[in-house]
Each structure stands twice: as structure tokens, then as C-alpha cells.
Amino acid sequence: MRTYPPLGRFLTVNGHRVHVHQFGEGPDLVIAHGATSHMREAMACFATGLAGEFRVTLIDRPGEGYTPRLHRRGESLREQAELMADTVQALGIENFTLLGQSFGGSVALAWAIHRPEGLRAVALSAAPAYPWLPNLPWRIKGPAMPVLGPLIARVVLAWFRKSYFIDSYAKVFFPNAVPENYGHRIGLPLSLLPHNVVADNRQLARMGRDLTEIGPRFGEIRIPVEIVIGAEDKVVRPELHAHALAREIPGARVRLLKGQGHMPHVGDPEGIGDAVRRAARRARAKDDVGTGAAQAAD
């Protein structure tokens, strides 16, 4: 789209085209964005503010933004984590902190389990950790259908576009108002291209079973994990996700962001930045302890 051109460059990873953008200086920070989104949202809301302290790497997840989908079935959390981990390796990044926002947080959990090499710490923002939608709403179930999904997506976008997204945004931003001109700032029209809507909803439709699969392995995560979530989040409720997850991962810490719903990266970007800093700081301290112990053994 001419109005929202690619922000970065393209790599070919395992034969697949991946859109990446790097900026800033410092220790490496990789960001996995949320659903119905792409890297432009992270740029508009919080990522730029971290560039003075970190070298930030943004990656459009498969089927989102300018990274095409891997297949038509809806990429699993593991498939997305594998592609993004391979992209990080292709960029020559050896040690990094990973920030996962909402759906990207679920990808980050799969990443920490399946591809932990080089991953020093994780920060999660409003991340779903357990299945919580026993009955998928029509707005997800319809476009995710195997055969009729693309047609349903086009009908929804043609006839119900405004009400569909006004209602959705009102829910995720509650108790706060949707910021003025938010859709334009984050490049929402790019997410509303029919093929992106289908890919996005197919990923959402399978997320529950993906989380069921990795849930028993959360205790295997042995790196620092910082979890932040809006105290008023009605989409990913803190008690069902953040607090439950912290009980599973050794040393994981939770911080509630007061007055925030499911979009703290918009309403409290400094709170997200603080979580990243805490995670990175804990990783450095852990490395220092390991180095000291090794030197003492010598």
C-alpha cells in the first residue's frame, strides 16, 4: 500500500520473505507484535522510545504486514517462533531480550520453549498464556473458515468494516478511549487487507490448542521473565493469564499497570519499557553471576 509502505528491508529466510526493521544502538531487543497488527504499530506506540537504549529489531509475523503467510492453514505459535528465531539468526543477533505484545507474547512463550538459543530474557505485555475462548466469536470463526473464509472476510470488510472495528477497539482499549487517529497512525488499513484478515483470524482460531500444547512446558523456561498487564484488562484477564503463568515459570514477576486495559503499550508505553529494562537487567546480572562462578572455579 502506497500510504503505508514497508518500514524496513526484506530477508529471505528458509525460502520465505520476511520484513524486518532495525534501529537504535545498544543490547539487542527483538519485538513480536500482536494480532491484527504489524511492526508499524510498535513503531507508533512504544518501540521508538527504546531505541536510545537498545538496538531494536522489529519483524512482521507471517501473514501480517509485509511478511506473507507460510501456508493457508493458519500458522501455529511454534511455526511463527521458528521463522522469527531463524530470522534473528540470519541477522547475526546472538544474545537478545524478547518483547511479546498480546498475541506476540504467546509467540514469545513458544519461542522460549522451542528455540531458546540466544534468548536471554523475555518481557510479556498483555500476553495470553492459556486457552480462554471456548466459543470463538463470529468475527474470528467466519474469516478463519477453510473454504469460505476469504469470501466472509470480504463481506465483513465491505459491509461491516466500521462497526466491526469500532466495537473491537472499544473492548480492547477499555477503560480508556481509543486515541484519536489511532488507525492511521498504526497503519490499520494494511491489517484490513482481506488476505491479512484471513491469515490473522486463522492464527487466532488455532491459538487455544497451541497454548494447550505448550502450557505443560512453561516450567522449562529458565530465563528472566517480566510480565506486565493492564489491571483492567477484560480481554486477557490478569488472574487467568499473568498471575497463573508466573506461578509456572520460576522467578517470573508480574506488574499490574493501573488504569490500563488490553492496550498498555499504547496507554502506558513507559510501563512496557520498564519491563524490558528489568528483564534485560536481570539477564545481565545472571550472566555476571555465571561468569563469576566460572572464574572462581578456574
C-alpha atoms as a PDB file:
ATOM      1  CA  MET A   1       0.000   0.000   0.000  1.00  0.00           C
ATOM      2  CA  ARG A   2       1.434   3.362  -1.013  1.00  0.00           C
ATOM      3  CA  THR A   3       0.113   5.095   2.105  1.00  0.00           C
ATOM      4  CA  TYR A   4       1.836   2.567   4.381  1.00  0.00           C
ATOM      5  CA  PRO A   5       4.998   1.371   2.610  1.00  0.00           C
ATOM      6  CA  PRO A   6       7.429  -1.110   4.181  1.00  0.00           C
ATOM      7  CA  LEU A   7       9.444   0.440   7.003  1.00  0.00           C
ATOM      8  CA  GLY A   8      12.433  -1.852   6.713  1.00  0.00           C
ATOM      9  CA  ARG A   9      14.018  -4.362   4.389  1.00  0.00           C
ATOM     10  CA  PHE A  10      13.331  -7.901   3.282  1.00  0.00           C
ATOM     11  CA  LEU A  11      15.279 -11.061   4.049  1.00  0.00           C
ATOM     12  CA  THR A  12      14.808 -14.493   2.568  1.00  0.00           C
ATOM     13  CA  VAL A  13      14.721 -16.962   5.451  1.00  0.00           C
ATOM     14  CA  ASN A  14      14.267 -20.657   4.672  1.00  0.00           C
ATOM     15  CA  GLY A  15      12.939 -19.622   1.282  1.00  0.00           C
ATOM     16  CA  HIS A  16      10.383 -17.254   2.829  1.00  0.00           C
ATOM     17  CA  ARG A  17      10.265 -13.467   2.502  1.00  0.00           C
ATOM     18  CA  VAL A  18      10.418 -11.687   5.876  1.00  0.00           C
ATOM     19  CA  HIS A  19      10.015  -7.956   6.542  1.00  0.00           C
ATOM     20  CA  VAL A  20      12.430  -6.674   9.214  1.00  0.00           C
ATOM     21  CA  HIS A  21      13.405  -3.260  10.537  1.00  0.00           C
ATOM     22  CA  GLN A  22      16.351  -2.453  12.814  1.00  0.00           C
ATOM     23  CA  PHE A  23      17.201   0.827  14.508  1.00  0.00           C
ATOM     24  CA  GLY A  24      18.833   2.173  17.662  1.00  0.00           C
ATOM     25  CA  GLU A  25      22.008   1.227  19.498  1.00  0.00           C
ATOM     26  CA  GLY A  26      22.726  -0.976  22.485  1.00  0.00           C
ATOM     27  CA  PRO A  27      21.903  -4.524  23.587  1.00  0.00           C
ATOM     28  CA  ASP A  28      19.574  -6.352  21.222  1.00  0.00           C
ATOM     29  CA  LEU A  29      15.807  -6.224  21.721  1.00  0.00           C
ATOM     30  CA  VAL A  30      13.505  -8.204  19.419  1.00  0.00           C
ATOM     31  CA  ILE A  31       9.779  -7.379  19.334  1.00  0.00           C
ATOM     32  CA  ALA A  32       6.917  -9.723  18.407  1.00  0.00           C
ATOM     33  CA  HIS A  33       3.796  -7.654  17.680  1.00  0.00           C
ATOM     34  CA  GLY A  34       0.187  -8.547  18.433  1.00  0.00           C
ATOM     35  CA  ALA A  35      -2.759  -9.726  16.339  1.00  0.00           C
ATOM     36  CA  THR A  36      -4.411  -7.607  13.625  1.00  0.00           C
ATOM     37  CA  SER A  37      -1.210  -5.623  13.611  1.00  0.00           C
ATOM     38  CA  HIS A  38       2.290  -5.289  12.205  1.00  0.00           C
ATOM     39  CA  MET A  39       5.552  -3.525  13.048  1.00  0.00           C
ATOM     40  CA  ARG A  40       4.152  -0.059  12.327  1.00  0.00           C
ATOM     41  CA  GLU A  41       2.022  -0.226  15.487  1.00  0.00           C
ATOM     42  CA  ALA A  42       5.077  -0.939  17.635  1.00  0.00           C
ATOM     43  CA  MET A  43       6.888   1.955  15.961  1.00  0.00           C
ATOM     44  CA  ALA A  44       3.994   4.339  16.571  1.00  0.00           C
ATOM     45  CA  CYS A  45       3.336   3.335  20.173  1.00  0.00           C
ATOM     46  CA  PHE A  46       6.489   2.412  22.056  1.00  0.00           C
ATOM     47  CA  ALA A  47       9.439   0.984  20.091  1.00  0.00           C
ATOM     48  CA  THR A  48      10.980   4.310  19.089  1.00  0.00           C
ATOM     49  CA  GLY A  49      11.317   5.269  22.751  1.00  0.00           C
ATOM     50  CA  LEU A  50      13.520   2.232  23.390  1.00  0.00           C
ATOM     51  CA  ALA A  51      15.963   2.957  20.572  1.00  0.00           C
ATOM     52  CA  GLY A  52      18.179   5.091  22.809  1.00  0.00           C
ATOM     53  CA  GLU A  53      18.922   2.064  24.996  1.00  0.00           C
ATOM     54  CA  PHE A  54      18.593  -0.942  22.678  1.00  0.00           C
ATOM     55  CA  ARG A  55      19.150  -1.987  19.115  1.00  0.00           C
ATOM     56  CA  VAL A  56      15.527  -2.743  18.267  1.00  0.00           C
ATOM     57  CA  THR A  57      14.590  -5.423  15.743  1.00  0.00           C
ATOM     58  CA  LEU A  58      11.006  -5.497  14.501  1.00  0.00           C
ATOM     59  CA  ILE A  59       9.736  -8.454  12.480  1.00  0.00           C
ATOM     60  CA  ASP A  60       6.364  -8.673  10.771  1.00  0.00           C
ATOM     61  CA  ARG A  61       4.951 -12.033  11.814  1.00  0.00           C
ATOM     62  CA  PRO A  62       3.909 -14.371   8.969  1.00  0.00           C
ATOM     63  CA  GLY A  63       0.593 -13.342   7.457  1.00  0.00           C
ATOM     64  CA  GLU A  64       0.850  -9.850   8.970  1.00  0.00           C
ATOM     65  CA  GLY A  65       2.141  -6.611   7.500  1.00  0.00           C
ATOM     66  CA  TYR A  66       4.569  -7.347   4.678  1.00  0.00           C
ATOM     67  CA  THR A  67       5.584 -10.884   5.642  1.00  0.00           C
ATOM     68  CA  PRO A  68       3.469 -13.354   3.642  1.00  0.00           C
ATOM     69  CA  ARG A  69       1.851 -16.322   5.330  1.00  0.00           C
ATOM     70  CA  LEU A  70       3.670 -19.657   5.406  1.00  0.00           C
ATOM     71  CA  HIS A  71       0.596 -21.598   4.260  1.00  0.00           C
ATOM     72  CA  ARG A  72      -3.199 -21.330   4.229  1.00  0.00           C
ATOM     73  CA  ARG A  73      -3.980 -23.266   7.425  1.00  0.00           C
ATOM     74  CA  GLY A  74      -3.051 -20.616   9.978  1.00  0.00           C
ATOM     75  CA  GLU A  75       0.497 -20.623  11.333  1.00  0.00           C
ATOM     76  CA  SER A  76       0.969 -22.222  14.737  1.00  0.00           C
ATOM     77  CA  LEU A  77       2.726 -20.390  17.549  1.00  0.00           C
ATOM     78  CA  ARG A  78       5.678 -22.723  17.080  1.00  0.00           C
ATOM     79  CA  GLU A  79       5.879 -22.135  13.320  1.00  0.00           C
ATOM     80  CA  GLN A  80       5.921 -18.389  13.884  1.00  0.00           C
ATOM     81  CA  ALA A  81       8.533 -18.653  16.619  1.00  0.00           C
ATOM     82  CA  GLU A  82      10.713 -20.872  14.420  1.00  0.00           C
ATOM     83  CA  LEU A  83      10.604 -18.442  11.490  1.00  0.00           C
ATOM     84  CA  MET A  84      11.332 -15.448  13.705  1.00  0.00           C
ATOM     85  CA  ALA A  85      14.168 -17.242  15.504  1.00  0.00           C
ATOM     86  CA  ASP A  86      15.718 -18.161  12.150  1.00  0.00           C
ATOM     87  CA  THR A  87      15.344 -14.526  11.071  1.00  0.00           C
ATOM     88  CA  VAL A  88      17.171 -13.354  14.189  1.00  0.00           C
ATOM     89  CA  GLN A  89      19.982 -15.783  13.429  1.00  0.00           C
ATOM     90  CA  ALA A  90      20.128 -14.578   9.814  1.00  0.00           C
ATOM     91  CA  LEU A  91      20.589 -11.045  11.146  1.00  0.00           C
ATOM     92  CA  GLY A  92      23.582 -12.192  13.199  1.00  0.00           C
ATOM     93  CA  ILE A  93      21.949 -11.487  16.570  1.00  0.00           C
ATOM     94  CA  GLU A  94      23.489 -13.751  19.205  1.00  0.00           C
ATOM     95  CA  ASN A  95      22.054 -12.592  22.549  1.00  0.00           C
ATOM     96  CA  PHE A  96      18.813 -10.685  22.949  1.00  0.00           C
ATOM     97  CA  THR A  97      15.797  -9.784  25.050  1.00  0.00           C
ATOM     98  CA  LEU A  98      12.419 -10.642  23.518  1.00  0.00           C
ATOM     99  CA  LEU A  99       9.314  -8.493  23.988  1.00  0.00           C
ATOM    100  CA  GLY A 100       5.989 -10.086  23.067  1.00  0.00           C
ATOM    101  CA  GLN A 101       2.853  -7.957  22.940  1.00  0.00           C
ATOM    102  CA  SER A 102      -0.548  -9.705  23.262  1.00  0.00           C
ATOM    103  CA  PHE A 103      -0.595 -12.490  20.615  1.00  0.00           C
ATOM    104  CA  GLY A 104       3.119 -11.812  20.150  1.00  0.00           C
ATOM    105  CA  GLY A 105       3.533 -12.731  23.810  1.00  0.00           C
ATOM    106  CA  SER A 106       2.089 -16.170  23.084  1.00  0.00           C
ATOM    107  CA  VAL A 107       4.608 -16.486  20.248  1.00  0.00           C
ATOM    108  CA  ALA A 108       7.338 -15.419  22.686  1.00  0.00           C
ATOM    109  CA  LEU A 109       6.382 -18.245  25.062  1.00  0.00           C
ATOM    110  CA  ALA A 110       6.597 -20.781  22.222  1.00  0.00           C
ATOM    111  CA  TRP A 111       9.936 -19.235  21.244  1.00  0.00           C
ATOM    112  CA  ALA A 112      11.335 -19.588  24.769  1.00  0.00           C
ATOM    113  CA  ILE A 113      10.339 -23.262  24.825  1.00  0.00           C
ATOM    114  CA  HIS A 114      11.236 -24.383  21.314  1.00  0.00           C
ATOM    115  CA  ARG A 115      14.094 -22.038  20.330  1.00  0.00           C
ATOM    116  CA  PRO A 116      15.814 -20.785  23.490  1.00  0.00           C
ATOM    117  CA  GLU A 117      19.269 -20.363  21.921  1.00  0.00           C
ATOM    118  CA  GLY A 118      20.495 -16.779  22.356  1.00  0.00           C
ATOM    119  CA  LEU A 119      17.363 -15.740  24.220  1.00  0.00           C
ATOM    120  CA  ARG A 120      18.475 -14.064  27.453  1.00  0.00           C
ATOM    121  CA  ALA A 121      15.197 -12.672  28.836  1.00  0.00           C
ATOM    122  CA  VAL A 122      11.520 -12.218  27.971  1.00  0.00           C
ATOM    123  CA  ALA A 123       9.132  -9.335  28.620  1.00  0.00           C
ATOM    124  CA  LEU A 124       5.429 -10.029  28.071  1.00  0.00           C
ATOM    125  CA  SER A 125       2.728  -7.391  27.662  1.00  0.00           C
ATOM    126  CA  ALA A 126      -0.934  -8.468  27.928  1.00  0.00           C
ATOM    127  CA  ALA A 127       0.029 -11.934  26.714  1.00  0.00           C
ATOM    128  CA  PRO A 128      -2.466 -14.821  26.537  1.00  0.00           C
ATOM    129  CA  ALA A 129      -0.916 -17.880  28.183  1.00  0.00           C
ATOM    130  CA  TYR A 130      -3.889 -20.254  28.418  1.00  0.00           C
ATOM    131  CA  PRO A 131      -6.953 -21.032  26.264  1.00  0.00           C
ATOM    132  CA  TRP A 132      -9.831 -18.806  27.316  1.00  0.00           C
ATOM    133  CA  LEU A 133     -12.247 -18.607  24.364  1.00  0.00           C
ATOM    134  CA  PRO A 134     -14.282 -21.850  24.391  1.00  0.00           C
ATOM    135  CA  ASN A 135     -16.638 -20.402  21.781  1.00  0.00           C
ATOM    136  CA  LEU A 136     -14.907 -18.271  19.179  1.00  0.00           C
ATOM    137  CA  PRO A 137     -16.819 -15.120  18.181  1.00  0.00           C
ATOM    138  CA  TRP A 138     -18.126 -14.957  14.603  1.00  0.00           C
ATOM    139  CA  ARG A 139     -15.638 -12.239  13.692  1.00  0.00           C
ATOM    140  CA  ILE A 140     -12.833 -14.795  14.177  1.00  0.00           C
ATOM    141  CA  LYS A 141     -14.620 -18.001  13.235  1.00  0.00           C
ATOM    142  CA  GLY A 142     -16.048 -16.695   9.944  1.00  0.00           C
ATOM    143  CA  PRO A 143     -12.874 -15.437   8.199  1.00  0.00           C
ATOM    144  CA  ALA A 144     -10.966 -18.449   9.582  1.00  0.00           C
ATOM    145  CA  MET A 145     -13.157 -20.995   7.753  1.00  0.00           C
ATOM    146  CA  PRO A 146     -11.137 -23.176   5.341  1.00  0.00           C
ATOM    147  CA  VAL A 147     -13.102 -22.560   2.137  1.00  0.00           C
ATOM    148  CA  LEU A 148     -15.487 -19.666   2.761  1.00  0.00           C
ATOM    149  CA  GLY A 149     -13.109 -17.634   4.951  1.00  0.00           C
ATOM    150  CA  PRO A 150     -11.786 -15.313   2.215  1.00  0.00           C
ATOM    151  CA  LEU A 151     -15.328 -14.586   0.973  1.00  0.00           C
ATOM    152  CA  ILE A 152     -16.592 -13.910   4.503  1.00  0.00           C
ATOM    153  CA  ALA A 153     -13.639 -11.596   5.142  1.00  0.00           C
ATOM    154  CA  ARG A 154     -14.506  -9.571   2.045  1.00  0.00           C
ATOM    155  CA  VAL A 155     -18.187  -9.328   3.060  1.00  0.00           C
ATOM    156  CA  VAL A 156     -17.278  -8.210   6.581  1.00  0.00           C
ATOM    157  CA  LEU A 157     -14.817  -5.620   5.299  1.00  0.00           C
ATOM    158  CA  ALA A 158     -17.258  -4.340   2.686  1.00  0.00           C
ATOM    159  CA  TRP A 159     -20.414  -4.101   4.802  1.00  0.00           C
ATOM    160  CA  PHE A 160     -19.480  -4.106   8.492  1.00  0.00           C
ATOM    161  CA  ARG A 161     -15.981  -2.634   8.490  1.00  0.00           C
ATOM    162  CA  LYS A 162     -16.695   0.435  10.629  1.00  0.00           C
ATOM    163  CA  SER A 163     -18.942  -1.133  13.289  1.00  0.00           C
ATOM    164  CA  TYR A 164     -16.805  -4.296  13.390  1.00  0.00           C
ATOM    165  CA  PHE A 165     -13.650  -2.447  14.358  1.00  0.00           C
ATOM    166  CA  ILE A 166     -15.227   0.289  16.454  1.00  0.00           C
ATOM    167  CA  ASP A 167     -16.714  -2.414  18.694  1.00  0.00           C
ATOM    168  CA  SER A 168     -13.461  -4.390  18.758  1.00  0.00           C
ATOM    169  CA  TYR A 169     -11.318  -1.386  19.640  1.00  0.00           C
ATOM    170  CA  ALA A 170     -13.755  -0.179  22.291  1.00  0.00           C
ATOM    171  CA  LYS A 171     -13.363  -3.551  24.005  1.00  0.00           C
ATOM    172  CA  VAL A 172      -9.570  -3.797  23.877  1.00  0.00           C
ATOM    173  CA  PHE A 173      -8.984  -0.182  24.953  1.00  0.00           C
ATOM    174  CA  PHE A 174     -11.481  -0.272  27.855  1.00  0.00           C
ATOM    175  CA  PRO A 175     -11.440   1.544  30.307  1.00  0.00           C
ATOM    176  CA  ASN A 176      -9.693   4.112  28.099  1.00  0.00           C
ATOM    177  CA  ALA A 177     -10.884   5.756  24.912  1.00  0.00           C
ATOM    178  CA  VAL A 178      -9.423   4.838  21.542  1.00  0.00           C
ATOM    179  CA  PRO A 179      -6.789   7.518  20.766  1.00  0.00           C
ATOM    180  CA  GLU A 180      -7.656   9.976  18.047  1.00  0.00           C
ATOM    181  CA  ASN A 181      -6.388   8.990  14.599  1.00  0.00           C
ATOM    182  CA  TYR A 182      -5.111   5.698  16.020  1.00  0.00           C
ATOM    183  CA  GLY A 183      -5.993   3.614  12.956  1.00  0.00           C
ATOM    184  CA  HIS A 184      -3.993   5.854  10.650  1.00  0.00           C
ATOM    185  CA  ARG A 185      -1.011   6.048  12.999  1.00  0.00           C
ATOM    186  CA  ILE A 186      -0.635   2.276  13.178  1.00  0.00           C
ATOM    187  CA  GLY A 187      -1.405   1.589   9.517  1.00  0.00           C
ATOM    188  CA  LEU A 188      -4.640  -0.291  10.256  1.00  0.00           C
ATOM    189  CA  PRO A 189      -5.722  -0.416   6.579  1.00  0.00           C
ATOM    190  CA  LEU A 190      -2.737  -2.697   5.922  1.00  0.00           C
ATOM    191  CA  SER A 191      -4.093  -5.154   8.507  1.00  0.00           C
ATOM    192  CA  LEU A 192      -7.531  -4.982   6.878  1.00  0.00           C
ATOM    193  CA  LEU A 193      -6.456  -6.325   3.510  1.00  0.00           C
ATOM    194  CA  PRO A 194      -8.563  -9.477   3.016  1.00  0.00           C
ATOM    195  CA  HIS A 195      -5.606 -11.882   2.864  1.00  0.00           C
ATOM    196  CA  ASN A 196      -4.207 -10.434   6.103  1.00  0.00           C
ATOM    197  CA  VAL A 197      -7.606 -10.685   7.828  1.00  0.00           C
ATOM    198  CA  VAL A 198      -7.900 -14.355   6.842  1.00  0.00           C
ATOM    199  CA  ALA A 199      -4.344 -15.169   7.983  1.00  0.00           C
ATOM    200  CA  ASP A 200      -4.795 -13.287  11.261  1.00  0.00           C
ATOM    201  CA  ASN A 201      -8.069 -14.998  12.162  1.00  0.00           C
ATOM    202  CA  ARG A 202      -6.813 -18.455  11.252  1.00  0.00           C
ATOM    203  CA  GLN A 203      -3.930 -17.931  13.666  1.00  0.00           C
ATOM    204  CA  LEU A 204      -6.342 -16.748  16.364  1.00  0.00           C
ATOM    205  CA  ALA A 205      -8.654 -19.694  15.739  1.00  0.00           C
ATOM    206  CA  ARG A 206      -5.894 -22.216  16.466  1.00  0.00           C
ATOM    207  CA  MET A 207      -4.214 -20.320  19.312  1.00  0.00           C
ATOM    208  CA  GLY A 208      -6.171 -22.169  22.019  1.00  0.00           C
ATOM    209  CA  ARG A 209      -4.904 -25.595  21.025  1.00  0.00           C
ATOM    210  CA  ASP A 210      -1.387 -24.223  20.541  1.00  0.00           C
ATOM    211  CA  LEU A 211      -1.395 -22.843  24.088  1.00  0.00           C
ATOM    212  CA  THR A 212      -2.774 -26.147  25.383  1.00  0.00           C
ATOM    213  CA  GLU A 213       0.197 -27.868  23.760  1.00  0.00           C
ATOM    214  CA  ILE A 214       2.917 -25.642  25.220  1.00  0.00           C
ATOM    215  CA  GLY A 215       1.289 -24.957  28.604  1.00  0.00           C
ATOM    216  CA  PRO A 216       2.696 -28.044  30.350  1.00  0.00           C
ATOM    217  CA  ARG A 217       6.205 -26.891  29.384  1.00  0.00           C
ATOM    218  CA  PHE A 218       6.123 -23.377  30.857  1.00  0.00           C
ATOM    219  CA  GLY A 219       8.156 -24.619  33.813  1.00  0.00           C
ATOM    220  CA  GLU A 220      11.040 -25.357  31.438  1.00  0.00           C
ATOM    221  CA  ILE A 221      11.606 -21.634  30.875  1.00  0.00           C
ATOM    222  CA  ARG A 222      14.650 -20.753  32.987  1.00  0.00           C
ATOM    223  CA  ILE A 223      15.454 -17.221  31.880  1.00  0.00           C
ATOM    224  CA  PRO A 224      14.219 -13.978  33.464  1.00  0.00           C
ATOM    225  CA  VAL A 225      10.581 -13.266  32.578  1.00  0.00           C
ATOM    226  CA  GLU A 226       8.868  -9.952  33.303  1.00  0.00           C
ATOM    227  CA  ILE A 227       5.096  -9.835  32.811  1.00  0.00           C
ATOM    228  CA  VAL A 228       3.097  -6.619  32.589  1.00  0.00           C
ATOM    229  CA  ILE A 229      -0.640  -6.429  32.076  1.00  0.00           C
ATOM    230  CA  GLY A 230      -3.367  -3.835  32.437  1.00  0.00           C
ATOM    231  CA  ALA A 231      -5.117  -4.085  35.794  1.00  0.00           C
ATOM    232  CA  GLU A 232      -8.428  -3.549  33.959  1.00  0.00           C
ATOM    233  CA  ASP A 233      -7.753  -5.943  31.063  1.00  0.00           C
ATOM    234  CA  LYS A 234     -11.065  -7.665  30.225  1.00  0.00           C
ATOM    235  CA  VAL A 235      -9.666  -9.472  27.172  1.00  0.00           C
ATOM    236  CA  VAL A 236      -6.693 -11.253  28.768  1.00  0.00           C
ATOM    237  CA  ARG A 237      -7.603 -11.221  32.446  1.00  0.00           C
ATOM    238  CA  PRO A 238      -4.608 -10.882  34.787  1.00  0.00           C
ATOM    239  CA  GLU A 239      -5.680 -13.615  37.190  1.00  0.00           C
ATOM    240  CA  LEU A 240      -6.235 -16.158  34.403  1.00  0.00           C
ATOM    241  CA  HIS A 241      -3.054 -15.451  32.464  1.00  0.00           C
ATOM    242  CA  ALA A 242      -0.347 -13.260  34.026  1.00  0.00           C
ATOM    243  CA  HIS A 243      -0.599 -14.496  37.617  1.00  0.00           C
ATOM    244  CA  ALA A 244      -1.184 -18.124  36.618  1.00  0.00           C
ATOM    245  CA  LEU A 245       1.798 -18.009  34.252  1.00  0.00           C
ATOM    246  CA  ALA A 246       4.054 -16.504  36.910  1.00  0.00           C
ATOM    247  CA  ARG A 247       3.304 -19.474  39.148  1.00  0.00           C
ATOM    248  CA  GLU A 248       4.528 -21.815  36.399  1.00  0.00           C
ATOM    249  CA  ILE A 249       7.772 -20.072  35.385  1.00  0.00           C
ATOM    250  CA  PRO A 250      10.475 -19.987  38.067  1.00  0.00           C
ATOM    251  CA  GLY A 251      11.328 -16.410  39.026  1.00  0.00           C
ATOM    252  CA  ALA A 252       8.733 -14.783  36.747  1.00  0.00           C
ATOM    253  CA  ARG A 253       7.431 -11.447  38.002  1.00  0.00           C
ATOM    254  CA  VAL A 254       4.109  -9.705  37.367  1.00  0.00           C
ATOM    255  CA  ARG A 255       3.409  -5.997  37.433  1.00  0.00           C
ATOM    256  CA  LEU A 256      -0.123  -4.632  37.023  1.00  0.00           C
ATOM    257  CA  LEU A 257      -0.429  -1.341  35.164  1.00  0.00           C
ATOM    258  CA  LYS A 258      -3.128   0.710  36.848  1.00  0.00           C
ATOM    259  CA  GLY A 259      -5.846   2.235  34.727  1.00  0.00           C
ATOM    260  CA  GLN A 260      -4.917   0.158  31.684  1.00  0.00           C
ATOM    261  CA  GLY A 261      -6.905  -2.412  29.730  1.00  0.00           C
ATOM    262  CA  HIS A 262      -5.596  -4.677  26.998  1.00  0.00           C
ATOM    263  CA  MET A 263      -3.546  -1.959  25.281  1.00  0.00           C
ATOM    264  CA  PRO A 264      -0.940  -0.835  27.827  1.00  0.00           C
ATOM    265  CA  HIS A 265       1.643  -0.482  25.061  1.00  0.00           C
ATOM    266  CA  VAL A 266      -0.488   2.444  23.865  1.00  0.00           C
ATOM    267  CA  GLY A 267      -1.646   3.890  27.190  1.00  0.00           C
ATOM    268  CA  ASP A 268       1.500   3.274  29.244  1.00  0.00           C
ATOM    269  CA  PRO A 269       4.490   2.794  26.930  1.00  0.00           C
ATOM    270  CA  GLU A 270       6.865   3.652  29.765  1.00  0.00           C
ATOM    271  CA  GLY A 271       5.474   0.728  31.745  1.00  0.00           C
ATOM    272  CA  ILE A 272       6.338  -1.548  28.826  1.00  0.00           C
ATOM    273  CA  GLY A 273       9.798  -0.013  28.556  1.00  0.00           C
ATOM    274  CA  ASP A 274      10.390  -0.562  32.266  1.00  0.00           C
ATOM    275  CA  ALA A 275       9.513  -4.254  31.890  1.00  0.00           C
ATOM    276  CA  VAL A 276      12.044  -4.596  29.072  1.00  0.00           C
ATOM    277  CA  ARG A 277      14.716  -2.849  31.141  1.00  0.00           C
ATOM    278  CA  ARG A 278      14.045  -5.060  34.166  1.00  0.00           C
ATOM    279  CA  ALA A 279      14.219  -8.217  32.058  1.00  0.00           C
ATOM    280  CA  ALA A 280      17.473  -7.151  30.380  1.00  0.00           C
ATOM    281  CA  ARG A 281      18.973  -6.093  33.709  1.00  0.00           C
ATOM    282  CA  ARG A 282      18.127  -9.440  35.303  1.00  0.00           C
ATOM    283  CA  ALA A 283      19.694 -11.261  32.345  1.00  0.00           C
ATOM    284  CA  ARG A 284      22.913  -9.260  32.739  1.00  0.00           C
ATOM    285  CA  ALA A 285      23.002  -9.968  36.467  1.00  0.00           C
ATOM    286  CA  LYS A 286      22.502 -13.678  35.810  1.00  0.00           C
ATOM    287  CA  ASP A 287      25.322 -13.642  33.260  1.00  0.00           C
ATOM    288  CA  ASP A 288      27.602 -11.823  35.717  1.00  0.00           C
ATOM    289  CA  VAL A 289      26.929 -14.440  38.395  1.00  0.00           C
ATOM    290  CA  GLY A 290      27.689 -17.219  35.913  1.00  0.00           C
ATOM    291  CA  THR A 291      30.910 -15.530  34.812  1.00  0.00           C
ATOM    292  CA  GLY A 292      31.997 -15.008  38.409  1.00  0.00           C
ATOM    293  CA  ALA A 293      31.328 -18.637  39.288  1.00  0.00           C
ATOM    294  CA  ALA A 294      33.300 -19.823  36.258  1.00  0.00           C
ATOM    295  CA  GLN A 295      36.251 -17.605  37.158  1.00  0.00           C
ATOM    296  CA  ALA A 296      36.185 -18.827  40.744  1.00  0.00           C
ATOM    297  CA  ALA A 297      36.237 -22.431  39.514  1.00  0.00           C
ATOM    298  CA  ASP A 298      39.293 -21.664  37.382  1.00  0.00           C
END
